[in-house]
Amino acid sequence: MRLVQVFVPAGDLELVLERAEAAGVDYAVSEETSNDEFEALVSIPVPPAAVEPLVADFREAGLDESSYTVVTSAETIVSDRTDDLLGRFSGTRISREELQSQAVALAPASSTYYTLLIVSTVIATAGLLLDSAATIIGAMVVAPLMGPALAASVGVVVGDDELARRGVVLQVVGLLVAVATAALLGWLLRGTVLLPPGFDITTVPQIRERITPNALALFLALGSGVAGVISLIRNVGSVLVGVAIAVALVPPAATVGLGIAWGHPEVVVTAGTLVLVNLLSINLTALLLLWLSGYRPHRVGSVDRVYGRLRSRIVVLVVAIAVLSVILSGITYGTYQTAAVEHDARTELDAMSDEPPFNDLVLQELSVQYELIDLYTGDVPVVTVLSERPPGETEPPDFAEQVRERLEAATGTELEVVTELVDTQRSG
């Protein structure tokens, strides 16, 4: 339930009471004695679904917009009369006014926003370098990047140009700040005693996870956007924490910064694609769901203008996501191909171990140097096979060539094969 309190300007009390009675809601009138500007305070308990039409009725009737209409959440109302109200005003979404107020809170003051963003980026960067999933999750919870995306969409739908503009600016600048912070931190840490010599960021599992996204990331982002909007319009704030963890905007942005610090353009492209897909998907789903949920500007004359802007933004977002999806599809295909080559090579090598003339050798280890970028630059995978050779045994003629032919037949890919033979002696 909500408690709507109207500070009634002098001369408007009869107007407010007529509208309240026409809506069939109960009210209480308190005399206002603080100054001569307001003559009374009218308190009206109503369900959430009744707030928007009631406030719209007051506006339509000519209630002075310089007055105050305060909407507060009533934790508990003890009365049998609420059953009738809930039956007449059904619905689960909050009013436009409440939505707009919550959206403003999601785009906080710049000092608060950028402080939280820098802190969360530092935490995420440390978590990535330490390969700590728990630390990265902590950064996701602190990160404020998702709020401005929802705020911008609310601003567009309700016709609040200032809120929409502020939401977009906070998203763009915030993303750049996150990348710059991670790049600076990576540059400062690189080559220090805090990281091992020759440290390669692409070998860290948590970083690798964010530089090899696949097409499923798009569905995750869209689903997270839907959950975020539903939690907003139904006033379930606790869900936003789970959405922030699911959509994960700061960790891939921090990965982009690390890619810049270590000079890996492929890391910048792949992680950058992931963070942009996530961010744009939240914007797209928020715009669509807010409009389909029935939110409109309170001025009827603004609806057509807002609809035109909404349609333009949706077209831009769909095109951008489509382009990024092509990149995601390419990454998905490339990741699958590189993994398939390694899997097929290992499977074939295991089979070769039981067949002459290879069964006299112990095929101990196989490594495949085949990265995503190699697939698209045409570089040949390099397969290194380490084999134990018992004393007195000799390798078959053209051993490396035979291994290469077998592995190429199994993988369907041209390979460069390096065979390393180690003489071994065992005792005991």
Protein backbone atom coordinates (compact mmCIF):
# COMPACT_ATOMS: atom_id res chain seq x y z
CA MET A 1 0.00 0.00 0.00
CA ARG A 2 0.94 3.64 -0.48
CA LEU A 3 0.07 6.79 1.43
CA VAL A 4 -0.50 9.75 -0.89
CA GLN A 5 -0.30 13.08 0.89
CA VAL A 6 -1.32 16.23 -0.98
CA PHE A 7 -0.35 19.67 0.28
CA VAL A 8 -3.43 21.51 -1.02
CA PRO A 9 -2.90 25.11 -2.15
CA ALA A 10 -5.35 27.68 -0.88
CA GLY A 11 -8.62 27.39 -2.78
CA ASP A 12 -8.01 23.88 -4.19
CA LEU A 13 -9.30 21.74 -1.31
CA GLU A 14 -12.74 21.18 -2.83
CA LEU A 15 -11.16 20.15 -6.13
CA VAL A 16 -8.93 17.54 -4.43
CA LEU A 17 -11.75 16.11 -2.32
CA GLU A 18 -14.07 15.82 -5.34
CA ARG A 19 -11.46 13.83 -7.24
CA ALA A 20 -10.76 11.58 -4.25
CA GLU A 21 -14.46 10.85 -3.82
CA ALA A 22 -14.87 10.20 -7.56
CA ALA A 23 -12.03 7.66 -7.35
CA GLY A 24 -13.80 5.95 -4.44
CA VAL A 25 -10.87 6.21 -2.02
CA ASP A 26 -10.84 7.15 1.66
CA TYR A 27 -9.06 10.27 2.81
CA ALA A 28 -8.31 12.35 5.85
CA VAL A 29 -7.99 16.15 5.91
CA SER A 30 -5.63 17.96 8.27
CA GLU A 31 -5.56 21.69 8.61
CA GLU A 32 -2.30 23.27 7.42
CA THR A 33 -1.27 26.18 9.63
CA SER A 34 2.44 26.66 8.83
CA ASN A 35 1.76 29.38 6.24
CA ASP A 36 -0.99 30.80 4.07
CA GLU A 37 0.16 29.05 0.88
CA PHE A 38 -1.44 25.69 1.77
CA GLU A 39 -4.83 25.34 3.39
CA ALA A 40 -4.86 21.59 4.15
CA LEU A 41 -3.00 18.29 4.01
CA VAL A 42 -5.03 15.46 2.47
CA SER A 43 -3.84 11.90 3.25
CA ILE A 44 -5.09 9.06 1.02
CA PRO A 45 -4.18 5.36 1.51
CA VAL A 46 -4.26 3.54 -1.84
CA PRO A 47 -2.75 0.45 -3.53
CA PRO A 48 0.37 1.04 -5.68
CA ALA A 49 -1.69 0.68 -8.88
CA ALA A 50 -3.96 3.58 -7.84
CA VAL A 51 -1.22 6.16 -7.33
CA GLU A 52 -0.63 7.04 -10.99
CA PRO A 53 -4.31 7.47 -12.03
CA LEU A 54 -5.06 9.44 -8.83
CA VAL A 55 -2.17 11.87 -9.36
CA ALA A 56 -3.17 12.15 -13.04
CA ASP A 57 -6.73 13.04 -11.95
CA PHE A 58 -5.43 15.80 -9.71
CA ARG A 59 -3.36 17.21 -12.57
CA GLU A 60 -6.29 17.01 -14.98
CA ALA A 61 -8.52 18.85 -12.54
CA GLY A 62 -6.02 21.71 -12.45
CA LEU A 63 -4.22 21.13 -9.14
CA ASP A 64 -1.42 23.65 -8.97
CA GLU A 65 1.86 21.87 -9.89
CA SER A 66 3.71 24.05 -7.39
CA SER A 67 2.03 22.08 -4.62
CA TYR A 68 3.51 18.94 -3.06
CA THR A 69 2.25 15.41 -3.66
CA VAL A 70 4.20 12.99 -1.46
CA VAL A 71 3.99 9.23 -2.02
CA THR A 72 5.34 7.00 0.74
CA SER A 73 5.32 3.24 1.18
CA ALA A 74 3.01 2.13 3.98
CA GLU A 75 4.63 -0.85 5.66
CA THR A 76 1.43 -2.06 7.35
CA ILE A 77 -2.21 -1.03 7.12
CA VAL A 78 -4.63 -2.71 9.52
CA SER A 79 -8.08 -2.44 7.97
CA ASP A 80 -10.65 -4.59 6.21
CA ARG A 81 -11.32 -1.71 3.83
CA THR A 82 -8.10 -2.37 1.90
CA ASP A 83 -9.51 -5.56 0.33
CA ASP A 84 -12.01 -3.53 -1.71
CA LEU A 85 -9.28 -1.11 -2.83
CA LEU A 86 -6.96 -3.93 -3.88
CA GLY A 87 -9.81 -5.51 -5.84
CA ARG A 88 -10.58 -2.30 -7.74
CA PHE A 89 -6.98 -1.25 -8.37
CA SER A 90 -5.19 -4.41 -9.46
CA GLY A 91 -1.63 -4.37 -10.76
CA THR A 92 1.91 -4.96 -9.61
CA ARG A 93 3.91 -2.12 -11.13
CA ILE A 94 4.74 1.08 -9.30
CA SER A 95 3.52 4.47 -10.49
CA ARG A 96 5.32 6.63 -13.02
CA GLU A 97 6.20 9.12 -10.30
CA GLU A 98 7.74 6.45 -8.07
CA LEU A 99 9.60 4.97 -11.04
CA GLN A 100 11.05 8.34 -11.95
CA SER A 101 12.11 8.94 -8.35
CA GLN A 102 13.85 5.56 -8.15
CA ALA A 103 15.57 6.18 -11.49
CA VAL A 104 17.00 9.44 -10.17
CA ALA A 105 18.45 7.51 -7.23
CA LEU A 106 20.06 5.02 -9.66
CA ALA A 107 22.03 7.89 -11.23
CA PRO A 108 23.70 9.27 -8.07
CA ALA A 109 25.84 12.35 -7.65
CA SER A 110 28.98 12.28 -9.76
CA SER A 111 31.32 12.16 -6.76
CA THR A 112 29.52 9.11 -5.35
CA TYR A 113 29.20 7.38 -8.71
CA TYR A 114 32.81 7.74 -9.83
CA THR A 115 34.20 6.90 -6.39
CA LEU A 116 32.24 3.64 -6.29
CA LEU A 117 33.18 2.91 -9.89
CA ILE A 118 36.91 3.39 -9.33
CA VAL A 119 36.82 1.31 -6.15
CA SER A 120 34.92 -1.51 -7.86
CA THR A 121 37.31 -1.42 -10.83
CA VAL A 122 40.35 -1.67 -8.54
CA ILE A 123 38.74 -4.64 -6.76
CA ALA A 124 37.83 -6.30 -10.08
CA THR A 125 41.33 -5.75 -11.51
CA ALA A 126 42.95 -7.27 -8.44
CA GLY A 127 40.53 -10.18 -8.56
CA LEU A 128 41.31 -10.83 -12.21
CA LEU A 129 45.06 -10.76 -11.68
CA LEU A 130 44.74 -13.01 -8.61
CA ASP A 131 42.28 -15.30 -10.41
CA SER A 132 39.88 -14.84 -7.47
CA ALA A 133 36.22 -15.38 -8.34
CA ALA A 134 35.07 -14.23 -4.88
CA THR A 135 36.90 -10.90 -5.24
CA ILE A 136 35.41 -10.34 -8.69
CA ILE A 137 31.89 -11.00 -7.37
CA GLY A 138 32.52 -8.39 -4.68
CA ALA A 139 33.43 -5.89 -7.39
CA MET A 140 30.21 -6.70 -9.27
CA VAL A 141 28.12 -5.88 -6.20
CA VAL A 142 29.88 -2.54 -5.61
CA ALA A 143 29.83 -1.51 -9.29
CA PRO A 144 27.24 1.22 -10.06
CA LEU A 145 27.32 0.95 -13.87
CA MET A 146 23.92 -0.72 -14.29
CA GLY A 147 21.98 2.04 -12.51
CA PRO A 148 22.56 4.76 -15.13
CA ALA A 149 21.48 2.35 -17.89
CA LEU A 150 18.09 1.88 -16.22
CA ALA A 151 17.88 5.59 -15.36
CA ALA A 152 18.51 6.62 -18.97
CA SER A 153 15.75 4.32 -20.21
CA VAL A 154 13.29 5.63 -17.64
CA GLY A 155 14.16 9.18 -18.65
CA VAL A 156 13.45 8.43 -22.31
CA VAL A 157 10.11 6.69 -21.65
CA VAL A 158 8.66 9.27 -19.22
CA GLY A 159 9.97 12.22 -21.22
CA ASP A 160 12.54 13.41 -18.67
CA ASP A 161 15.26 14.61 -21.03
CA GLU A 162 17.63 15.62 -18.24
CA LEU A 163 17.48 12.18 -16.61
CA ALA A 164 17.96 10.44 -19.96
CA ARG A 165 20.94 12.60 -20.83
CA ARG A 166 22.53 12.14 -17.41
CA GLY A 167 22.09 8.36 -17.59
CA VAL A 168 23.81 8.16 -20.99
CA VAL A 169 26.71 10.41 -19.90
CA LEU A 170 27.28 8.38 -16.73
CA GLN A 171 27.35 5.16 -18.76
CA VAL A 172 29.80 6.39 -21.39
CA VAL A 173 32.14 8.28 -19.07
CA GLY A 174 31.88 5.57 -16.42
CA LEU A 175 32.93 2.90 -18.89
CA LEU A 176 35.93 4.97 -19.99
CA VAL A 177 36.89 5.63 -16.37
CA ALA A 178 36.71 1.91 -15.55
CA VAL A 179 38.93 1.00 -18.51
CA ALA A 180 41.41 3.79 -17.74
CA THR A 181 41.58 2.80 -14.05
CA ALA A 182 42.30 -0.84 -14.86
CA ALA A 183 44.86 0.13 -17.51
CA LEU A 184 46.68 2.42 -15.08
CA LEU A 185 46.66 -0.18 -12.31
CA GLY A 186 47.88 -2.87 -14.71
CA TRP A 187 50.66 -0.60 -15.97
CA LEU A 188 51.77 0.13 -12.38
CA LEU A 189 51.75 -3.54 -11.36
CA ARG A 190 53.35 -4.92 -14.50
CA GLY A 191 56.95 -5.92 -13.91
CA THR A 192 56.75 -5.54 -10.13
CA VAL A 193 57.35 -8.22 -7.50
CA LEU A 194 53.57 -8.49 -7.05
CA LEU A 195 53.34 -10.43 -10.32
CA PRO A 196 55.57 -13.32 -11.42
CA PRO A 197 58.21 -12.70 -14.12
CA GLY A 198 56.82 -13.11 -17.62
CA PHE A 199 53.24 -12.94 -16.32
CA ASP A 200 50.80 -13.38 -19.23
CA ILE A 201 47.27 -12.15 -18.53
CA THR A 202 45.78 -14.39 -21.22
CA THR A 203 46.69 -17.49 -19.21
CA VAL A 204 44.69 -16.44 -16.14
CA PRO A 205 41.39 -18.43 -16.13
CA GLN A 206 39.23 -15.52 -14.89
CA ILE A 207 40.63 -13.24 -17.60
CA ARG A 208 40.43 -15.94 -20.25
CA GLU A 209 36.77 -16.41 -19.44
CA ARG A 210 36.15 -12.79 -20.40
CA ILE A 211 38.20 -12.80 -23.58
CA THR A 212 36.46 -15.88 -24.99
CA PRO A 213 32.77 -14.96 -24.70
CA ASN A 214 30.33 -16.77 -26.94
CA ALA A 215 26.91 -16.04 -28.38
CA LEU A 216 25.22 -17.20 -25.16
CA ALA A 217 26.53 -14.00 -23.55
CA LEU A 218 23.90 -12.09 -25.53
CA PHE A 219 21.05 -14.14 -24.06
CA LEU A 220 22.53 -13.73 -20.59
CA ALA A 221 22.69 -9.96 -21.06
CA LEU A 222 19.12 -9.73 -22.38
CA GLY A 223 17.82 -11.92 -19.56
CA SER A 224 19.66 -9.85 -16.97
CA GLY A 225 18.20 -6.69 -18.47
CA VAL A 226 14.68 -8.11 -18.19
CA ALA A 227 15.27 -9.07 -14.55
CA GLY A 228 16.66 -5.61 -13.79
CA VAL A 229 13.64 -3.82 -15.26
CA ILE A 230 11.14 -6.10 -13.52
CA SER A 231 12.87 -5.55 -10.18
CA LEU A 232 12.67 -1.80 -10.78
CA ILE A 233 9.02 -1.51 -11.83
CA ARG A 234 7.88 -3.93 -9.12
CA ASN A 235 10.04 -2.32 -6.44
CA VAL A 236 12.08 -5.45 -5.65
CA GLY A 237 15.43 -3.76 -5.06
CA SER A 238 17.15 -6.87 -3.73
CA VAL A 239 16.96 -8.48 -7.18
CA LEU A 240 19.20 -5.74 -8.61
CA VAL A 241 22.17 -7.17 -6.69
CA GLY A 242 21.73 -10.53 -8.41
CA VAL A 243 21.31 -8.80 -11.77
CA ALA A 244 24.53 -6.84 -11.19
CA ILE A 245 26.38 -10.10 -10.56
CA ALA A 246 24.80 -11.81 -13.57
CA VAL A 247 25.43 -9.09 -16.13
CA ALA A 248 28.95 -8.26 -14.84
CA LEU A 249 29.85 -4.93 -16.44
CA VAL A 250 32.99 -3.94 -14.52
CA PRO A 251 35.08 -7.17 -14.79
CA PRO A 252 35.12 -7.19 -18.63
CA ALA A 253 35.78 -3.43 -18.61
CA ALA A 254 38.73 -4.06 -16.28
CA THR A 255 39.89 -6.81 -18.64
CA VAL A 256 39.92 -4.27 -21.47
CA GLY A 257 42.14 -2.04 -19.36
CA LEU A 258 44.53 -4.91 -18.63
CA GLY A 259 44.64 -5.68 -22.35
CA ILE A 260 45.75 -2.10 -22.96
CA ALA A 261 48.37 -2.28 -20.19
CA TRP A 262 49.84 -5.53 -21.54
CA GLY A 263 49.51 -4.53 -25.20
CA HIS A 264 47.09 -7.29 -26.26
CA PRO A 265 44.70 -5.85 -28.86
CA GLU A 266 42.76 -9.13 -29.08
CA VAL A 267 41.99 -8.86 -25.35
CA VAL A 268 40.71 -5.32 -25.85
CA VAL A 269 38.45 -6.37 -28.73
CA THR A 270 36.97 -9.51 -27.19
CA ALA A 271 36.43 -8.17 -23.65
CA GLY A 272 35.25 -4.85 -25.08
CA THR A 273 32.66 -6.68 -27.16
CA LEU A 274 31.38 -8.46 -24.05
CA VAL A 275 30.97 -5.30 -21.96
CA LEU A 276 29.26 -3.42 -24.81
CA VAL A 277 26.84 -6.28 -25.47
CA ASN A 278 25.96 -6.36 -21.77
CA LEU A 279 25.46 -2.62 -21.48
CA LEU A 280 23.51 -2.16 -24.72
CA SER A 281 21.28 -5.14 -23.94
CA ILE A 282 20.27 -3.62 -20.61
CA ASN A 283 19.36 -0.38 -22.38
CA LEU A 284 17.37 -2.18 -25.07
CA THR A 285 15.37 -4.42 -22.74
CA ALA A 286 14.71 -1.52 -20.36
CA LEU A 287 13.31 0.70 -23.12
CA LEU A 288 11.08 -2.05 -24.50
CA LEU A 289 9.74 -3.33 -21.18
CA LEU A 290 9.11 0.11 -19.70
CA TRP A 291 7.10 1.15 -22.75
CA LEU A 292 5.20 -2.16 -22.89
CA SER A 293 4.46 -1.85 -19.17
CA GLY A 294 2.43 1.27 -19.94
CA TYR A 295 4.73 4.05 -18.77
CA ARG A 296 4.24 7.31 -20.65
CA PRO A 297 4.97 11.03 -20.12
CA HIS A 298 2.35 12.66 -17.88
CA ARG A 299 1.73 15.28 -20.59
CA VAL A 300 -0.34 13.66 -23.33
CA GLY A 301 1.06 16.03 -25.94
CA SER A 302 4.56 14.66 -25.36
CA VAL A 303 3.72 11.02 -26.11
CA ASP A 304 4.31 11.22 -29.88
CA ARG A 305 7.65 13.01 -29.42
CA VAL A 306 8.80 10.48 -26.82
CA TYR A 307 7.66 7.56 -28.99
CA GLY A 308 9.73 8.91 -31.90
CA ARG A 309 12.83 9.15 -29.73
CA LEU A 310 12.19 5.72 -28.27
CA ARG A 311 11.89 4.15 -31.69
CA SER A 312 15.12 5.81 -32.89
CA ARG A 313 17.05 4.59 -29.85
CA ILE A 314 15.73 1.07 -30.20
CA VAL A 315 16.79 0.94 -33.87
CA VAL A 316 20.30 2.17 -32.99
CA LEU A 317 20.61 -0.33 -30.14
CA VAL A 318 19.36 -3.25 -32.24
CA VAL A 319 21.81 -2.45 -35.04
CA ALA A 320 24.71 -2.06 -32.60
CA ILE A 321 23.88 -5.32 -30.83
CA ALA A 322 23.54 -7.08 -34.19
CA VAL A 323 27.02 -5.92 -35.23
CA LEU A 324 28.48 -6.98 -31.89
CA SER A 325 26.67 -10.32 -32.19
CA VAL A 326 28.59 -10.99 -35.41
CA ILE A 327 31.81 -10.51 -33.45
CA LEU A 328 30.48 -12.74 -30.65
CA SER A 329 29.58 -15.40 -33.21
CA GLY A 330 33.08 -15.19 -34.64
CA ILE A 331 34.59 -15.61 -31.18
CA THR A 332 32.24 -18.53 -30.47
CA TYR A 333 33.20 -20.27 -33.71
CA GLY A 334 36.90 -19.58 -33.19
CA THR A 335 36.86 -20.83 -29.60
CA TYR A 336 35.09 -23.99 -30.70
CA GLN A 337 37.54 -24.61 -33.54
CA THR A 338 40.64 -24.13 -31.41
CA ALA A 339 39.23 -26.39 -28.67
CA ALA A 340 38.22 -29.00 -31.26
CA VAL A 341 41.74 -29.13 -32.73
CA GLU A 342 43.27 -29.74 -29.30
CA HIS A 343 40.63 -32.32 -28.35
CA ASP A 344 40.96 -34.26 -31.61
CA ALA A 345 44.76 -34.16 -31.42
CA ARG A 346 44.77 -35.55 -27.89
CA THR A 347 42.25 -38.25 -28.74
CA GLU A 348 44.25 -39.35 -31.77
CA LEU A 349 47.49 -39.33 -29.80
CA ASP A 350 45.96 -41.62 -27.17
CA ALA A 351 44.86 -44.00 -29.92
CA MET A 352 48.33 -43.93 -31.49
CA SER A 353 49.91 -45.01 -28.20
CA ASP A 354 48.41 -48.48 -28.58
CA GLU A 355 49.38 -48.97 -32.22
CA PRO A 356 52.69 -50.05 -33.79
CA PRO A 357 55.15 -48.55 -34.44
CA PHE A 358 54.27 -45.96 -31.77
CA ASN A 359 53.60 -48.43 -28.94
CA ASP A 360 57.32 -48.81 -28.29
CA LEU A 361 57.39 -45.15 -27.29
CA VAL A 362 55.53 -43.66 -24.34
CA LEU A 363 53.66 -40.59 -25.58
CA GLN A 364 53.71 -38.52 -22.40
CA GLU A 365 52.50 -35.03 -23.19
CA LEU A 366 50.93 -32.93 -25.89
CA SER A 367 50.66 -29.16 -26.10
CA VAL A 368 48.83 -27.18 -28.74
CA GLN A 369 49.66 -23.58 -29.54
CA TYR A 370 46.53 -22.39 -31.29
CA GLU A 371 44.85 -19.18 -30.20
CA LEU A 372 41.67 -17.51 -31.41
CA ILE A 373 43.59 -14.91 -33.37
CA ASP A 374 45.58 -17.64 -35.16
CA LEU A 375 42.40 -18.99 -36.71
CA TYR A 376 41.62 -15.68 -38.40
CA THR A 377 45.20 -14.74 -39.30
CA GLY A 378 45.77 -18.13 -40.97
CA ASP A 379 48.61 -19.17 -38.66
CA VAL A 380 49.12 -22.94 -38.51
CA PRO A 381 48.58 -24.65 -35.12
CA VAL A 382 51.80 -25.88 -33.53
CA VAL A 383 51.49 -29.28 -31.83
CA THR A 384 54.34 -30.42 -29.60
CA VAL A 385 54.51 -34.11 -28.66
CA LEU A 386 56.79 -35.29 -25.84
CA SER A 387 57.65 -39.00 -25.97
CA GLU A 388 59.74 -41.26 -23.73
CA ARG A 389 62.17 -43.53 -25.59
CA PRO A 390 63.36 -46.61 -23.64
CA PRO A 391 67.11 -47.36 -23.80
CA GLY A 392 68.11 -49.16 -27.00
CA GLU A 393 64.91 -48.22 -28.80
CA THR A 394 64.92 -46.05 -31.88
CA GLU A 395 62.09 -43.96 -33.21
CA PRO A 396 60.44 -45.03 -36.44
CA PRO A 397 61.71 -43.46 -39.67
CA ASP A 398 60.05 -40.12 -40.36
CA PHE A 399 58.48 -40.25 -36.91
CA ALA A 400 57.50 -36.58 -36.88
CA GLU A 401 56.01 -36.85 -40.37
CA GLN A 402 53.93 -39.88 -39.41
CA VAL A 403 52.65 -38.14 -36.30
CA ARG A 404 51.79 -35.03 -38.31
CA GLU A 405 49.87 -37.02 -40.93
CA ARG A 406 47.87 -38.86 -38.29
CA LEU A 407 47.03 -35.71 -36.37
CA GLU A 408 46.14 -33.76 -39.51
CA ALA A 409 43.81 -36.54 -40.60
CA ALA A 410 42.16 -36.52 -37.17
CA THR A 411 41.79 -32.73 -36.87
CA GLY A 412 41.16 -31.89 -40.51
CA THR A 413 43.61 -29.01 -40.11
CA GLU A 414 47.10 -28.34 -41.42
CA LEU A 415 49.53 -28.62 -38.52
CA GLU A 416 53.12 -27.98 -37.62
CA VAL A 417 54.26 -30.88 -35.44
CA VAL A 418 57.27 -30.82 -33.13
CA THR A 419 58.31 -34.15 -31.59
CA GLU A 420 60.57 -34.23 -28.56
CA LEU A 421 62.14 -37.61 -27.72
CA VAL A 422 63.55 -38.17 -24.26
CA ASP A 423 65.74 -41.19 -23.42
CA THR A 424 64.60 -42.56 -20.08
CA GLN A 425 65.81 -45.22 -17.66
CA ARG A 426 63.67 -46.54 -14.82
CA SER A 427 64.71 -48.66 -11.82
CA GLY A 428 62.85 -50.34 -9.01
